[in-house]
């Protein structure tokens, strides 16, 4: 009989924490990005929330090719520049009131954070 009570208690807890939070992190520097994502995951696990991630998304590579010679004379030489944007996605199932607990820390410079909140219909 006690196992049935434990199952019903777990179902009640999941109904309370069934709101889906998606955090998308973007940065040019992987070191700062990994610090922020690991901090978010550790804070969410301290709150005993269900965490999925960080998921590595494909890098966005922006390329620019320019001509070295400003006047156009001489040999055709080119400079190639590229910028890589790294992306991580973290999914957390927690109540809306605990979002500030998870995201309440100093964020490293150069990291862009986008938070999406989905209310699950049960």
PDB file of N, CA and C in Angstrom:
ATOM      1  N   UNK A   1       0.812  -1.192   0.000  1.00  0.00           N
ATOM      2  CA  UNK A   1       0.000   0.000   0.000  1.00  0.00           C
ATOM      3  C   UNK A   1       0.862   1.265   0.000  1.00  0.00           C
ATOM      4  N   UNK A   2       2.008   1.226   0.650  1.00  0.00           N
ATOM      5  CA  UNK A   2       2.843   2.411   0.729  1.00  0.00           C
ATOM      6  C   UNK A   2       3.408   2.804  -0.627  1.00  0.00           C
ATOM      7  N   UNK A   3       3.673   1.836  -1.492  1.00  0.00           N
ATOM      8  CA  UNK A   3       4.207   2.158  -2.816  1.00  0.00           C
ATOM      9  C   UNK A   3       3.191   2.914  -3.651  1.00  0.00           C
ATOM     10  N   UNK A   4       1.925   2.609  -3.488  1.00  0.00           N
ATOM     11  CA  UNK A   4       0.880   3.324  -4.223  1.00  0.00           C
ATOM     12  C   UNK A   4       0.819   4.764  -3.750  1.00  0.00           C
ATOM     13  N   UNK A   5       0.939   4.978  -2.439  1.00  0.00           N
ATOM     14  CA  UNK A   5       0.923   6.332  -1.899  1.00  0.00           C
ATOM     15  C   UNK A   5       2.117   7.133  -2.419  1.00  0.00           C
ATOM     16  N   UNK A   6       3.281   6.513  -2.531  1.00  0.00           N
ATOM     17  CA  UNK A   6       4.462   7.209  -3.043  1.00  0.00           C
ATOM     18  C   UNK A   6       4.269   7.600  -4.497  1.00  0.00           C
ATOM     19  N   UNK A   7       3.634   6.718  -5.279  1.00  0.00           N
ATOM     20  CA  UNK A   7       3.395   7.035  -6.686  1.00  0.00           C
ATOM     21  C   UNK A   7       2.442   8.206  -6.826  1.00  0.00           C
ATOM     22  N   UNK A   8       1.395   8.240  -6.017  1.00  0.00           N
ATOM     23  CA  UNK A   8       0.446   9.349  -6.103  1.00  0.00           C
ATOM     24  C   UNK A   8       1.099  10.649  -5.646  1.00  0.00           C
ATOM     25  N   UNK A   9       2.001  10.570  -4.657  1.00  0.00           N
ATOM     26  CA  UNK A   9       2.710  11.765  -4.215  1.00  0.00           C
ATOM     27  C   UNK A   9       3.612  12.289  -5.322  1.00  0.00           C
ATOM     28  N   UNK A  10       4.291  11.381  -6.044  1.00  0.00           N
ATOM     29  CA  UNK A  10       5.159  11.818  -7.140  1.00  0.00           C
ATOM     30  C   UNK A  10       4.342  12.449  -8.257  1.00  0.00           C
ATOM     31  N   UNK A  11       3.159  11.903  -8.548  1.00  0.00           N
ATOM     32  CA  UNK A  11       2.311  12.471  -9.582  1.00  0.00           C
ATOM     33  C   UNK A  11       1.828  13.857  -9.185  1.00  0.00           C
ATOM     34  N   UNK A  12       1.505  14.049  -7.909  1.00  0.00           N
ATOM     35  CA  UNK A  12       1.084  15.360  -7.437  1.00  0.00           C
ATOM     36  C   UNK A  12       2.227  16.353  -7.544  1.00  0.00           C
ATOM     37  N   UNK A  13       3.454  15.933  -7.241  1.00  0.00           N
ATOM     38  CA  UNK A  13       4.606  16.823  -7.349  1.00  0.00           C
ATOM     39  C   UNK A  13       4.861  17.209  -8.798  1.00  0.00           C
ATOM     40  N   UNK A  14       4.705  16.275  -9.724  1.00  0.00           N
ATOM     41  CA  UNK A  14       4.922  16.609 -11.128  1.00  0.00           C
ATOM     42  C   UNK A  14       3.849  17.544 -11.646  1.00  0.00           C
ATOM     43  N   UNK A  15       2.625  17.466 -11.118  1.00  0.00           N
ATOM     44  CA  UNK A  15       1.588  18.399 -11.528  1.00  0.00           C
ATOM     45  C   UNK A  15       1.944  19.816 -11.095  1.00  0.00           C
ATOM     46  N   UNK A  16       2.562  19.957  -9.929  1.00  0.00           N
ATOM     47  CA  UNK A  16       2.953  21.272  -9.445  1.00  0.00           C
ATOM     48  C   UNK A  16       4.115  21.811 -10.269  1.00  0.00           C
ATOM     49  N   UNK A  17       5.084  20.967 -10.625  1.00  0.00           N
ATOM     50  CA  UNK A  17       6.277  21.419 -11.333  1.00  0.00           C
ATOM     51  C   UNK A  17       6.247  21.048 -12.816  1.00  0.00           C
ATOM     52  N   UNK A  18       5.075  21.093 -13.434  1.00  0.00           N
ATOM     53  CA  UNK A  18       4.970  20.659 -14.818  1.00  0.00           C
ATOM     54  C   UNK A  18       5.155  21.791 -15.817  1.00  0.00           C
ATOM     55  N   UNK A  19       5.564  22.970 -15.376  1.00  0.00           N
ATOM     56  CA  UNK A  19       5.783  24.079 -16.294  1.00  0.00           C
ATOM     57  C   UNK A  19       7.156  23.940 -16.935  1.00  0.00           C
ATOM     58  N   UNK A  20       7.208  24.181 -18.226  1.00  0.00           N
ATOM     59  CA  UNK A  20       8.412  23.945 -19.006  1.00  0.00           C
ATOM     60  C   UNK A  20       9.132  25.273 -19.247  1.00  0.00           C
ATOM     61  N   UNK A  21      10.405  25.313 -18.900  1.00  0.00           N
ATOM     62  CA  UNK A  21      11.236  26.497 -19.072  1.00  0.00           C
ATOM     63  C   UNK A  21      12.368  26.136 -20.024  1.00  0.00           C
ATOM     64  N   UNK A  22      12.538  26.894 -21.096  1.00  0.00           N
ATOM     65  CA  UNK A  22      13.633  26.655 -22.042  1.00  0.00           C
ATOM     66  C   UNK A  22      14.554  27.870 -22.032  1.00  0.00           C
ATOM     67  N   UNK A  23      15.831  27.624 -21.781  1.00  0.00           N
ATOM     68  CA  UNK A  23      16.837  28.678 -21.750  1.00  0.00           C
ATOM     69  C   UNK A  23      17.775  28.455 -22.928  1.00  0.00           C
ATOM     70  N   UNK A  24      17.896  29.469 -23.785  1.00  0.00           N
ATOM     71  CA  UNK A  24      18.786  29.399 -24.948  1.00  0.00           C
ATOM     72  C   UNK A  24      19.940  30.356 -24.708  1.00  0.00           C
ATOM     73  N   UNK A  25      21.159  29.814 -24.724  1.00  0.00           N
ATOM     74  CA  UNK A  25      22.366  30.597 -24.486  1.00  0.00           C
ATOM     75  C   UNK A  25      23.166  30.699 -25.780  1.00  0.00           C
ATOM     76  N   UNK A  26      23.625  31.917 -26.109  1.00  0.00           N
ATOM     77  CA  UNK A  26      24.439  32.127 -27.309  1.00  0.00           C
ATOM     78  C   UNK A  26      25.653  32.963 -26.944  1.00  0.00           C
ATOM     79  N   UNK A  27      26.809  32.594 -27.519  1.00  0.00           N
ATOM     80  CA  UNK A  27      28.029  33.339 -27.260  1.00  0.00           C
ATOM     81  C   UNK A  27      29.077  33.017 -28.311  1.00  0.00           C
ATOM     82  N   UNK A  28      30.058  33.920 -28.444  1.00  0.00           N
ATOM     83  CA  UNK A  28      31.196  33.669 -29.317  1.00  0.00           C
ATOM     84  C   UNK A  28      32.276  32.880 -28.587  1.00  0.00           C
ATOM     85  N   UNK A  29      32.343  33.027 -27.272  1.00  0.00           N
ATOM     86  CA  UNK A  29      33.378  32.372 -26.469  1.00  0.00           C
ATOM     87  C   UNK A  29      32.784  31.169 -25.747  1.00  0.00           C
ATOM     88  N   UNK A  30      33.371  30.000 -25.964  1.00  0.00           N
ATOM     89  CA  UNK A  30      32.826  28.778 -25.372  1.00  0.00           C
ATOM     90  C   UNK A  30      33.076  28.701 -23.875  1.00  0.00           C
ATOM     91  N   UNK A  31      34.162  29.302 -23.397  1.00  0.00           N
ATOM     92  CA  UNK A  31      34.487  29.224 -21.965  1.00  0.00           C
ATOM     93  C   UNK A  31      33.407  29.904 -21.121  1.00  0.00           C
ATOM     94  N   UNK A  32      33.018  31.111 -21.509  1.00  0.00           N
ATOM     95  CA  UNK A  32      31.961  31.822 -20.783  1.00  0.00           C
ATOM     96  C   UNK A  32      30.618  31.109 -20.923  1.00  0.00           C
ATOM     97  N   UNK A  33      30.370  30.557 -22.087  1.00  0.00           N
ATOM     98  CA  UNK A  33      29.113  29.848 -22.343  1.00  0.00           C
ATOM     99  C   UNK A  33      29.007  28.594 -21.485  1.00  0.00           C
ATOM    100  N   UNK A  34      30.079  27.846 -21.370  1.00  0.00           N
ATOM    101  CA  UNK A  34      30.075  26.631 -20.549  1.00  0.00           C
ATOM    102  C   UNK A  34      29.916  26.971 -19.067  1.00  0.00           C
ATOM    103  N   UNK A  35      30.518  28.072 -18.610  1.00  0.00           N
ATOM    104  CA  UNK A  35      30.376  28.478 -17.209  1.00  0.00           C
ATOM    105  C   UNK A  35      28.918  28.793 -16.888  1.00  0.00           C
ATOM    106  N   UNK A  36      28.270  29.575 -17.746  1.00  0.00           N
ATOM    107  CA  UNK A  36      26.884  29.980 -17.497  1.00  0.00           C
ATOM    108  C   UNK A  36      25.953  28.771 -17.549  1.00  0.00           C
ATOM    109  N   UNK A  37      26.155  27.883 -18.536  1.00  0.00           N
ATOM    110  CA  UNK A  37      25.266  26.722 -18.651  1.00  0.00           C
ATOM    111  C   UNK A  37      25.447  25.757 -17.484  1.00  0.00           C
ATOM    112  N   UNK A  38      26.686  25.541 -17.038  1.00  0.00           N
ATOM    113  CA  UNK A  38      26.900  24.646 -15.898  1.00  0.00           C
ATOM    114  C   UNK A  38      26.342  25.246 -14.604  1.00  0.00           C
ATOM    115  N   UNK A  39      26.404  26.560 -14.461  1.00  0.00           N
ATOM    116  CA  UNK A  39      25.845  27.213 -13.278  1.00  0.00           C
ATOM    117  C   UNK A  39      24.324  27.082 -13.249  1.00  0.00           C
ATOM    118  N   UNK A  40      23.681  27.276 -14.391  1.00  0.00           N
ATOM    119  CA  UNK A  40      22.222  27.146 -14.457  1.00  0.00           C
ATOM    120  C   UNK A  40      21.800  25.714 -14.135  1.00  0.00           C
ATOM    121  N   UNK A  41      22.501  24.740 -14.695  1.00  0.00           N
ATOM    122  CA  UNK A  41      22.159  23.332 -14.445  1.00  0.00           C
ATOM    123  C   UNK A  41      22.363  22.979 -12.970  1.00  0.00           C
ATOM    124  N   UNK A  42      23.457  23.437 -12.368  1.00  0.00           N
ATOM    125  CA  UNK A  42      23.709  23.112 -10.958  1.00  0.00           C
ATOM    126  C   UNK A  42      22.681  23.763 -10.035  1.00  0.00           C
ATOM    127  N   UNK A  43      22.272  25.009 -10.328  1.00  0.00           N
ATOM    128  CA  UNK A  43      21.251  25.667  -9.510  1.00  0.00           C
ATOM    129  C   UNK A  43      19.898  24.980  -9.656  1.00  0.00           C
ATOM    130  N   UNK A  44      19.595  24.505 -10.861  1.00  0.00           N
ATOM    131  CA  UNK A  44      18.321  23.799 -11.067  1.00  0.00           C
ATOM    132  C   UNK A  44      18.326  22.449 -10.353  1.00  0.00           C
ATOM    133  N   UNK A  45      19.462  21.766 -10.352  1.00  0.00           N
ATOM    134  CA  UNK A  45      19.540  20.477  -9.665  1.00  0.00           C
ATOM    135  C   UNK A  45      19.519  20.647  -8.149  1.00  0.00           C
ATOM    136  N   UNK A  46      20.038  21.769  -7.641  1.00  0.00           N
ATOM    137  CA  UNK A  46      19.952  22.042  -6.202  1.00  0.00           C
ATOM    138  C   UNK A  46      18.497  22.227  -5.787  1.00  0.00           C
ATOM    139  N   UNK A  47      17.685  22.809  -6.677  1.00  0.00           N
ATOM    140  CA  UNK A  47      16.258  22.973  -6.407  1.00  0.00           C
ATOM    141  C   UNK A  47      15.458  21.714  -6.679  1.00  0.00           C
ATOM    142  N   UNK A  48      16.149  20.639  -7.075  1.00  0.00           N
ATOM    143  CA  UNK A  48      15.540  19.335  -7.346  1.00  0.00           C
ATOM    144  C   UNK A  48      14.483  19.410  -8.453  1.00  0.00           C
ATOM    145  N   UNK A  49      14.814  20.140  -9.515  1.00  0.00           N
ATOM    146  CA  UNK A  49      13.948  20.212 -10.682  1.00  0.00           C
ATOM    147  C   UNK A  49      14.477  19.279 -11.755  1.00  0.00           C
ATOM    148  N   UNK A  50      13.591  18.875 -12.656  1.00  0.00           N
ATOM    149  CA  UNK A  50      13.998  18.015 -13.771  1.00  0.00           C
ATOM    150  C   UNK A  50      14.719  18.876 -14.812  1.00  0.00           C
ATOM    151  N   UNK A  51      15.945  18.452 -15.187  1.00  0.00           N
ATOM    152  CA  UNK A  51      16.780  19.225 -16.100  1.00  0.00           C
ATOM    153  C   UNK A  51      17.156  18.348 -17.292  1.00  0.00           C
ATOM    154  N   UNK A  52      17.078  18.912 -18.478  1.00  0.00           N
ATOM    155  CA  UNK A  52      17.499  18.222 -19.686  1.00  0.00           C
ATOM    156  C   UNK A  52      18.454  19.151 -20.437  1.00  0.00           C
ATOM    157  N   UNK A  53      19.721  18.798 -20.479  1.00  0.00           N
ATOM    158  CA  UNK A  53      20.677  19.622 -21.200  1.00  0.00           C
ATOM    159  C   UNK A  53      21.907  19.874 -20.381  1.00  0.00           C
ATOM    160  N   UNK A  54      22.800  20.681 -20.833  1.00  0.00           N
ATOM    161  CA  UNK A  54      22.733  21.537 -22.006  1.00  0.00           C
ATOM    162  C   UNK A  54      22.920  20.759 -23.300  1.00  0.00           C
ATOM    163  N   UNK A  55      22.078  21.075 -24.274  1.00  0.00           N
ATOM    164  CA  UNK A  55      22.172  20.458 -25.592  1.00  0.00           C
ATOM    165  C   UNK A  55      23.020  21.361 -26.487  1.00  0.00           C
ATOM    166  N   UNK A  56      23.935  20.749 -27.204  1.00  0.00           N
ATOM    167  CA  UNK A  56      24.797  21.488 -28.106  1.00  0.00           C
ATOM    168  C   UNK A  56      24.087  21.628 -29.451  1.00  0.00           C
ATOM    169  N   UNK A  57      23.853  22.857 -29.864  1.00  0.00           N
ATOM    170  CA  UNK A  57      23.227  23.116 -31.158  1.00  0.00           C
ATOM    171  C   UNK A  57      24.321  23.429 -32.175  1.00  0.00           C
ATOM    172  N   UNK A  58      24.028  23.306 -33.476  1.00  0.00           N
ATOM    173  CA  UNK A  58      25.055  23.588 -34.486  1.00  0.00           C
ATOM    174  C   UNK A  58      25.540  25.035 -34.418  1.00  0.00           C
ATOM    175  N   UNK A  59      26.834  25.217 -34.659  1.00  0.00           N
ATOM    176  CA  UNK A  59      27.408  26.561 -34.641  1.00  0.00           C
ATOM    177  C   UNK A  59      26.959  27.334 -35.870  1.00  0.00           C
ATOM    178  N   UNK A  60      26.757  28.629 -35.674  1.00  0.00           N
ATOM    179  CA  UNK A  60      26.449  29.503 -36.792  1.00  0.00           C
ATOM    180  C   UNK A  60      27.752  30.185 -37.189  1.00  0.00           C
ATOM    181  N   UNK A  61      28.168  30.022 -38.432  1.00  0.00           N
ATOM    182  CA  UNK A  61      29.442  30.566 -38.893  1.00  0.00           C
ATOM    183  C   UNK A  61      29.157  31.692 -39.885  1.00  0.00           C
ATOM    184  N   UNK A  62      29.597  32.905 -39.533  1.00  0.00           N
ATOM    185  CA  UNK A  62      29.433  34.064 -40.395  1.00  0.00           C
ATOM    186  C   UNK A  62      30.777  34.349 -41.062  1.00  0.00           C
ATOM    187  N   UNK A  63      30.828  34.370 -42.399  1.00  0.00           N
ATOM    188  CA  UNK A  63      32.071  34.551 -43.137  1.00  0.00           C
ATOM    189  C   UNK A  63      32.017  35.826 -43.967  1.00  0.00           C
ATOM    190  N   UNK A  64      33.170  36.540 -44.008  1.00  0.00           N
ATOM    191  CA  UNK A  64      33.319  37.737 -44.836  1.00  0.00           C
ATOM    192  C   UNK A  64      34.641  37.613 -45.578  1.00  0.00           C
ATOM    193  N   UNK A  65      34.617  37.810 -46.881  1.00  0.00           N
ATOM    194  CA  UNK A  65      35.825  37.813 -47.698  1.00  0.00           C
ATOM    195  C   UNK A  65      35.991  39.219 -48.268  1.00  0.00           C
ATOM    196  N   UNK A  66      37.159  39.846 -48.019  1.00  0.00           N
ATOM    197  CA  UNK A  66      37.415  41.201 -48.490  1.00  0.00           C
ATOM    198  C   UNK A  66      38.707  41.231 -49.292  1.00  0.00           C
ATOM    199  N   UNK A  67      38.820  42.197 -50.157  1.00  0.00           N
ATOM    200  CA  UNK A  67      40.031  42.372 -50.964  1.00  0.00           C
ATOM    201  C   UNK A  67      41.033  43.185 -50.162  1.00  0.00           C
ATOM    202  N   UNK A  68      42.299  42.789 -50.160  1.00  0.00           N
ATOM    203  CA  UNK A  68      43.334  43.478 -49.386  1.00  0.00           C
ATOM    204  C   UNK A  68      43.679  44.841 -49.975  1.00  0.00           C
ATOM    205  N   UNK A  69      43.823  44.907 -51.259  1.00  0.00           N
ATOM    206  CA  UNK A  69      44.244  46.143 -51.899  1.00  0.00           C
ATOM    207  C   UNK A  69      43.072  47.115 -51.992  1.00  0.00           C
ATOM    208  N   UNK A  70      43.213  48.319 -51.431  1.00  0.00           N
ATOM    209  CA  UNK A  70      42.089  49.257 -51.463  1.00  0.00           C
ATOM    210  C   UNK A  70      41.866  49.886 -52.841  1.00  0.00           C
ATOM    211  N   UNK A  71      42.914  49.990 -53.673  1.00  0.00           N
ATOM    212  CA  UNK A  71      42.762  50.680 -54.954  1.00  0.00           C
ATOM    213  C   UNK A  71      42.336  49.747 -56.083  1.00  0.00           C
ATOM    214  N   UNK A  72      42.540  48.440 -55.931  1.00  0.00           N
ATOM    215  CA  UNK A  72      42.138  47.505 -56.969  1.00  0.00           C
ATOM    216  C   UNK A  72      43.274  47.106 -57.894  1.00  0.00           C
ATOM    217  N   UNK A  73      44.429  47.761 -57.786  1.00  0.00           N
ATOM    218  CA  UNK A  73      45.579  47.413 -58.615  1.00  0.00           C
ATOM    219  C   UNK A  73      46.410  46.332 -57.934  1.00  0.00           C
ATOM    220  N   UNK A  74      47.257  45.688 -58.681  1.00  0.00           N
ATOM    221  CA  UNK A  74      48.141  44.681 -58.119  1.00  0.00           C
ATOM    222  C   UNK A  74      47.508  43.305 -58.167  1.00  0.00           C
ATOM    223  N   UNK A  75      48.108  42.371 -57.415  1.00  0.00           N
ATOM    224  CA  UNK A  75      47.592  40.999 -57.433  1.00  0.00           C
ATOM    225  C   UNK A  75      46.299  40.909 -56.637  1.00  0.00           C
ATOM    226  N   UNK A  76      45.496  39.971 -57.011  1.00  0.00           N
ATOM    227  CA  UNK A  76      44.214  39.777 -56.323  1.00  0.00           C
ATOM    228  C   UNK A  76      44.463  38.949 -55.066  1.00  0.00           C
ATOM    229  N   UNK A  77      44.559  39.619 -53.926  1.00  0.00           N
ATOM    230  CA  UNK A  77      44.720  38.927 -52.646  1.00  0.00           C
ATOM    231  C   UNK A  77      43.521  39.260 -51.774  1.00  0.00           C
ATOM    232  N   UNK A  78      43.086  38.275 -51.025  1.00  0.00           N
ATOM    233  CA  UNK A  78      41.878  38.420 -50.216  1.00  0.00           C
ATOM    234  C   UNK A  78      42.148  38.044 -48.770  1.00  0.00           C
ATOM    235  N   UNK A  79      41.434  38.690 -47.867  1.00  0.00           N
ATOM    236  CA  UNK A  79      41.404  38.315 -46.451  1.00  0.00           C
ATOM    237  C   UNK A  79      40.069  37.642 -46.181  1.00  0.00           C
ATOM    238  N   UNK A  80      40.121  36.564 -45.412  1.00  0.00           N
ATOM    239  CA  UNK A  80      38.895  35.860 -45.048  1.00  0.00           C
ATOM    240  C   UNK A  80      38.729  35.916 -43.533  1.00  0.00           C
ATOM    241  N   UNK A  81      37.579  36.414 -43.098  1.00  0.00           N
ATOM    242  CA  UNK A  81      37.268  36.506 -41.677  1.00  0.00           C
ATOM    243  C   UNK A  81      36.031  35.659 -41.395  1.00  0.00           C
ATOM    244  N   UNK A  82      35.999  35.066 -40.201  1.00  0.00           N
ATOM    245  CA  UNK A  82      34.811  34.323 -39.812  1.00  0.00           C
ATOM    246  C   UNK A  82      34.547  34.493 -38.325  1.00  0.00           C
ATOM    247  N   UNK A  83      33.274  34.443 -37.975  1.00  0.00           N
ATOM    248  CA  UNK A  83      32.849  34.541 -36.586  1.00  0.00           C
ATOM    249  C   UNK A  83      31.942  33.353 -36.307  1.00  0.00           C
ATOM    250  N   UNK A  84      32.215  32.643 -35.222  1.00  0.00           N
ATOM    251  CA  UNK A  84      31.412  31.480 -34.842  1.00  0.00           C
ATOM    252  C   UNK A  84      30.540  31.834 -33.648  1.00  0.00           C
ATOM    253  N   UNK A  85      29.270  31.472 -33.741  1.00  0.00           N
ATOM    254  CA  UNK A  85      28.337  31.697 -32.637  1.00  0.00           C
ATOM    255  C   UNK A  85      27.905  30.326 -32.126  1.00  0.00           C
ATOM    256  N   UNK A  86      28.226  30.046 -30.863  1.00  0.00           N
ATOM    257  CA  UNK A  86      27.917  28.763 -30.233  1.00  0.00           C
ATOM    258  C   UNK A  86      26.592  28.884 -29.487  1.00  0.00           C
ATOM    259  N   UNK A  87      25.804  27.814 -29.512  1.00  0.00           N
ATOM    260  CA  UNK A  87      24.471  27.831 -28.903  1.00  0.00           C
ATOM    261  C   UNK A  87      24.286  26.609 -28.013  1.00  0.00           C
ATOM    262  N   UNK A  88      23.687  26.815 -26.838  1.00  0.00           N
ATOM    263  CA  UNK A  88      23.320  25.736 -25.922  1.00  0.00           C
ATOM    264  C   UNK A  88      21.858  25.918 -25.541  1.00  0.00           C
ATOM    265  N   UNK A  89      21.140  24.794 -25.391  1.00  0.00           N
ATOM    266  CA  UNK A  89      19.728  24.821 -24.995  1.00  0.00           C
ATOM    267  C   UNK A  89      19.571  23.981 -23.735  1.00  0.00           C
ATOM    268  N   UNK A  90      18.929  24.560 -22.725  1.00  0.00           N
ATOM    269  CA  UNK A  90      18.678  23.867 -21.457  1.00  0.00           C
ATOM    270  C   UNK A  90      17.173  23.865 -21.218  1.00  0.00           C
ATOM    271  N   UNK A  91      16.603  22.686 -20.960  1.00  0.00           N
ATOM    272  CA  UNK A  91      15.184  22.549 -20.636  1.00  0.00           C
ATOM    273  C   UNK A  91      15.042  22.221 -19.155  1.00  0.00           C
ATOM    274  N   UNK A  92      14.176  22.968 -18.473  1.00  0.00           N
ATOM    275  CA  UNK A  92      13.952  22.773 -17.036  1.00  0.00           C
ATOM    276  C   UNK A  92      12.449  22.737 -16.801  1.00  0.00           C
ATOM    277  N   UNK A  93      11.996  21.796 -15.978  1.00  0.00           N
ATOM    278  CA  UNK A  93      10.589  21.713 -15.578  1.00  0.00           C
ATOM    279  C   UNK A  93      10.503  22.179 -14.134  1.00  0.00           C
ATOM    280  N   UNK A  94       9.949  23.369 -13.926  1.00  0.00           N
ATOM    281  CA  UNK A  94       9.877  23.960 -12.589  1.00  0.00           C
ATOM    282  C   UNK A  94       8.697  24.928 -12.538  1.00  0.00           C
ATOM    283  N   UNK A  95       8.271  25.336 -11.331  1.00  0.00           N
ATOM    284  CA  UNK A  95       7.204  26.338 -11.234  1.00  0.00           C
ATOM    285  C   UNK A  95       7.712  27.717 -11.654  1.00  0.00           C
ATOM    286  N   UNK A  96       6.794  28.563 -12.042  1.00  0.00           N
ATOM    287  CA  UNK A  96       7.150  29.894 -12.545  1.00  0.00           C
ATOM    288  C   UNK A  96       7.859  30.730 -11.486  1.00  0.00           C
ATOM    289  N   UNK A  97       7.518  30.543 -10.236  1.00  0.00           N
ATOM    290  CA  UNK A  97       8.094  31.358  -9.163  1.00  0.00           C
ATOM    291  C   UNK A  97       9.570  31.064  -8.911  1.00  0.00           C
ATOM    292  N   UNK A  98      10.056  29.923  -9.346  1.00  0.00           N
ATOM    293  CA  UNK A  98      11.450  29.559  -9.071  1.00  0.00           C
ATOM    294  C   UNK A  98      12.402  29.951 -10.199  1.00  0.00           C
ATOM    295  N   UNK A  99      11.942  30.656 -11.217  1.00  0.00           N
ATOM    296  CA  UNK A  99      12.818  31.082 -12.314  1.00  0.00           C
ATOM    297  C   UNK A  99      13.888  32.037 -11.797  1.00  0.00           C
ATOM    298  N   UNK A 100      13.521  32.927 -10.880  1.00  0.00           N
ATOM    299  CA  UNK A 100      14.507  33.876 -10.358  1.00  0.00           C
ATOM    300  C   UNK A 100      15.581  33.180  -9.542  1.00  0.00           C
ATOM    301  N   UNK A 101      15.237  32.090  -8.873  1.00  0.00           N
ATOM    302  CA  UNK A 101      16.242  31.338  -8.110  1.00  0.00           C
ATOM    303  C   UNK A 101      17.278  30.710  -9.037  1.00  0.00           C
ATOM    304  N   UNK A 102      16.837  30.236 -10.188  1.00  0.00           N
ATOM    305  CA  UNK A 102      17.731  29.568 -11.123  1.00  0.00           C
ATOM    306  C   UNK A 102      18.633  30.569 -11.840  1.00  0.00           C
ATOM    307  N   UNK A 103      18.102  31.722 -12.203  1.00  0.00           N
ATOM    308  CA  UNK A 103      18.856  32.686 -13.005  1.00  0.00           C
ATOM    309  C   UNK A 103      19.454  33.824 -12.175  1.00  0.00           C
ATOM    310  N   UNK A 104      19.527  33.672 -10.865  1.00  0.00           N
ATOM    311  CA  UNK A 104      20.028  34.733 -10.003  1.00  0.00           C
ATOM    312  C   UNK A 104      21.518  34.532  -9.726  1.00  0.00           C
ATOM    313  N   UNK A 105      22.360  34.883 -10.699  1.00  0.00           N
ATOM    314  CA  UNK A 105      23.814  34.864 -10.537  1.00  0.00           C
ATOM    315  C   UNK A 105      24.414  35.816 -11.562  1.00  0.00           C
ATOM    316  N   UNK A 106      25.699  36.128 -11.386  1.00  0.00           N
ATOM    317  CA  UNK A 106      26.361  37.062 -12.286  1.00  0.00           C
ATOM    318  C   UNK A 106      26.714  36.345 -13.589  1.00  0.00           C
ATOM    319  N   UNK A 107      26.216  36.870 -14.691  1.00  0.00           N
ATOM    320  CA  UNK A 107      26.415  36.263 -16.007  1.00  0.00           C
ATOM    321  C   UNK A 107      27.713  36.809 -16.605  1.00  0.00           C
ATOM    322  N   UNK A 108      28.500  35.928 -17.189  1.00  0.00           N
ATOM    323  CA  UNK A 108      29.756  36.339 -17.827  1.00  0.00           C
ATOM    324  C   UNK A 108      29.451  37.239 -19.035  1.00  0.00           C
ATOM    325  N   UNK A 109      30.378  38.162 -19.344  1.00  0.00           N
ATOM    326  CA  UNK A 109      30.134  39.055 -20.486  1.00  0.00           C
ATOM    327  C   UNK A 109      30.164  38.304 -21.809  1.00  0.00           C
ATOM    328  N   UNK A 110      29.346  38.752 -22.742  1.00  0.00           N
ATOM    329  CA  UNK A 110      29.316  38.164 -24.075  1.00  0.00           C
ATOM    330  C   UNK A 110      28.353  37.011 -24.226  1.00  0.00           C
ATOM    331  N   UNK A 111      27.610  36.661 -23.181  1.00  0.00           N
ATOM    332  CA  UNK A 111      26.655  35.553 -23.257  1.00  0.00           C
ATOM    333  C   UNK A 111      25.249  36.134 -23.362  1.00  0.00           C
ATOM    334  N   UNK A 112      24.532  35.750 -24.414  1.00  0.00           N
ATOM    335  CA  UNK A 112      23.166  36.203 -24.640  1.00  0.00           C
ATOM    336  C   UNK A 112      22.216  35.121 -24.136  1.00  0.00           C
ATOM    337  N   UNK A 113      21.252  35.510 -23.304  1.00  0.00           N
ATOM    338  CA  UNK A 113      20.321  34.552 -22.716  1.00  0.00           C
ATOM    339  C   UNK A 113      18.907  34.873 -23.184  1.00  0.00           C
ATOM    340  N   UNK A 114      18.215  33.835 -23.642  1.00  0.00           N
ATOM    341  CA  UNK A 114      16.812  33.960 -24.022  1.00  0.00           C
ATOM    342  C   UNK A 114      16.033  32.916 -23.234  1.00  0.00           C
ATOM    343  N   UNK A 115      15.007  33.352 -22.500  1.00  0.00           N
ATOM    344  CA  UNK A 115      14.212  32.456 -21.668  1.00  0.00           C
ATOM    345  C   UNK A 115      12.807  32.357 -22.252  1.00  0.00           C
ATOM    346  N   UNK A 116      12.370  31.113 -22.500  1.00  0.00           N
ATOM    347  CA  UNK A 116      11.012  30.860 -22.982  1.00  0.00           C
ATOM    348  C   UNK A 116      10.286  30.033 -21.927  1.00  0.00           C
ATOM    349  N   UNK A 117       9.066  30.424 -21.624  1.00  0.00           N
ATOM    350  CA  UNK A 117       8.282  29.749 -20.603  1.00  0.00           C
ATOM    351  C   UNK A 117       7.025  29.191 -21.244  1.00  0.00           C
ATOM    352  N   UNK A 118       6.828  27.874 -21.109  1.00  0.00           N
ATOM    353  CA  UNK A 118       5.654  27.196 -21.664  1.00  0.00           C
ATOM    354  C   UNK A 118       4.821  26.661 -20.518  1.00  0.00           C
ATOM    355  N   UNK A 119       3.545  26.981 -20.514  1.00  0.00           N
ATOM    356  CA  UNK A 119       2.644  26.463 -19.502  1.00  0.00           C
ATOM    357  C   UNK A 119       1.984  25.215 -20.063  1.00  0.00           C
ATOM    358  N   UNK A 120       2.255  24.058 -19.447  1.00  0.00           N
ATOM    359  CA  UNK A 120       1.719  22.793 -19.920  1.00  0.00           C
ATOM    360  C   UNK A 120       0.254  22.684 -19.509  1.00  0.00           C
ATOM    361  N   UNK A 121      -0.549  22.216 -20.439  1.00  0.00           N
ATOM    362  CA  UNK A 121      -1.975  21.977 -20.178  1.00  0.00           C
ATOM    363  C   UNK A 121      -2.155  20.539 -19.758  1.00  0.00           C
ATOM    364  N   UNK A 122      -2.563  20.292 -18.522  1.00  0.00           N
ATOM    365  CA  UNK A 122      -2.803  18.917 -18.030  1.00  0.00           C
ATOM    366  C   UNK A 122      -4.263  18.696 -17.778  1.00  0.00           C
TER     367      UNK A 122
END
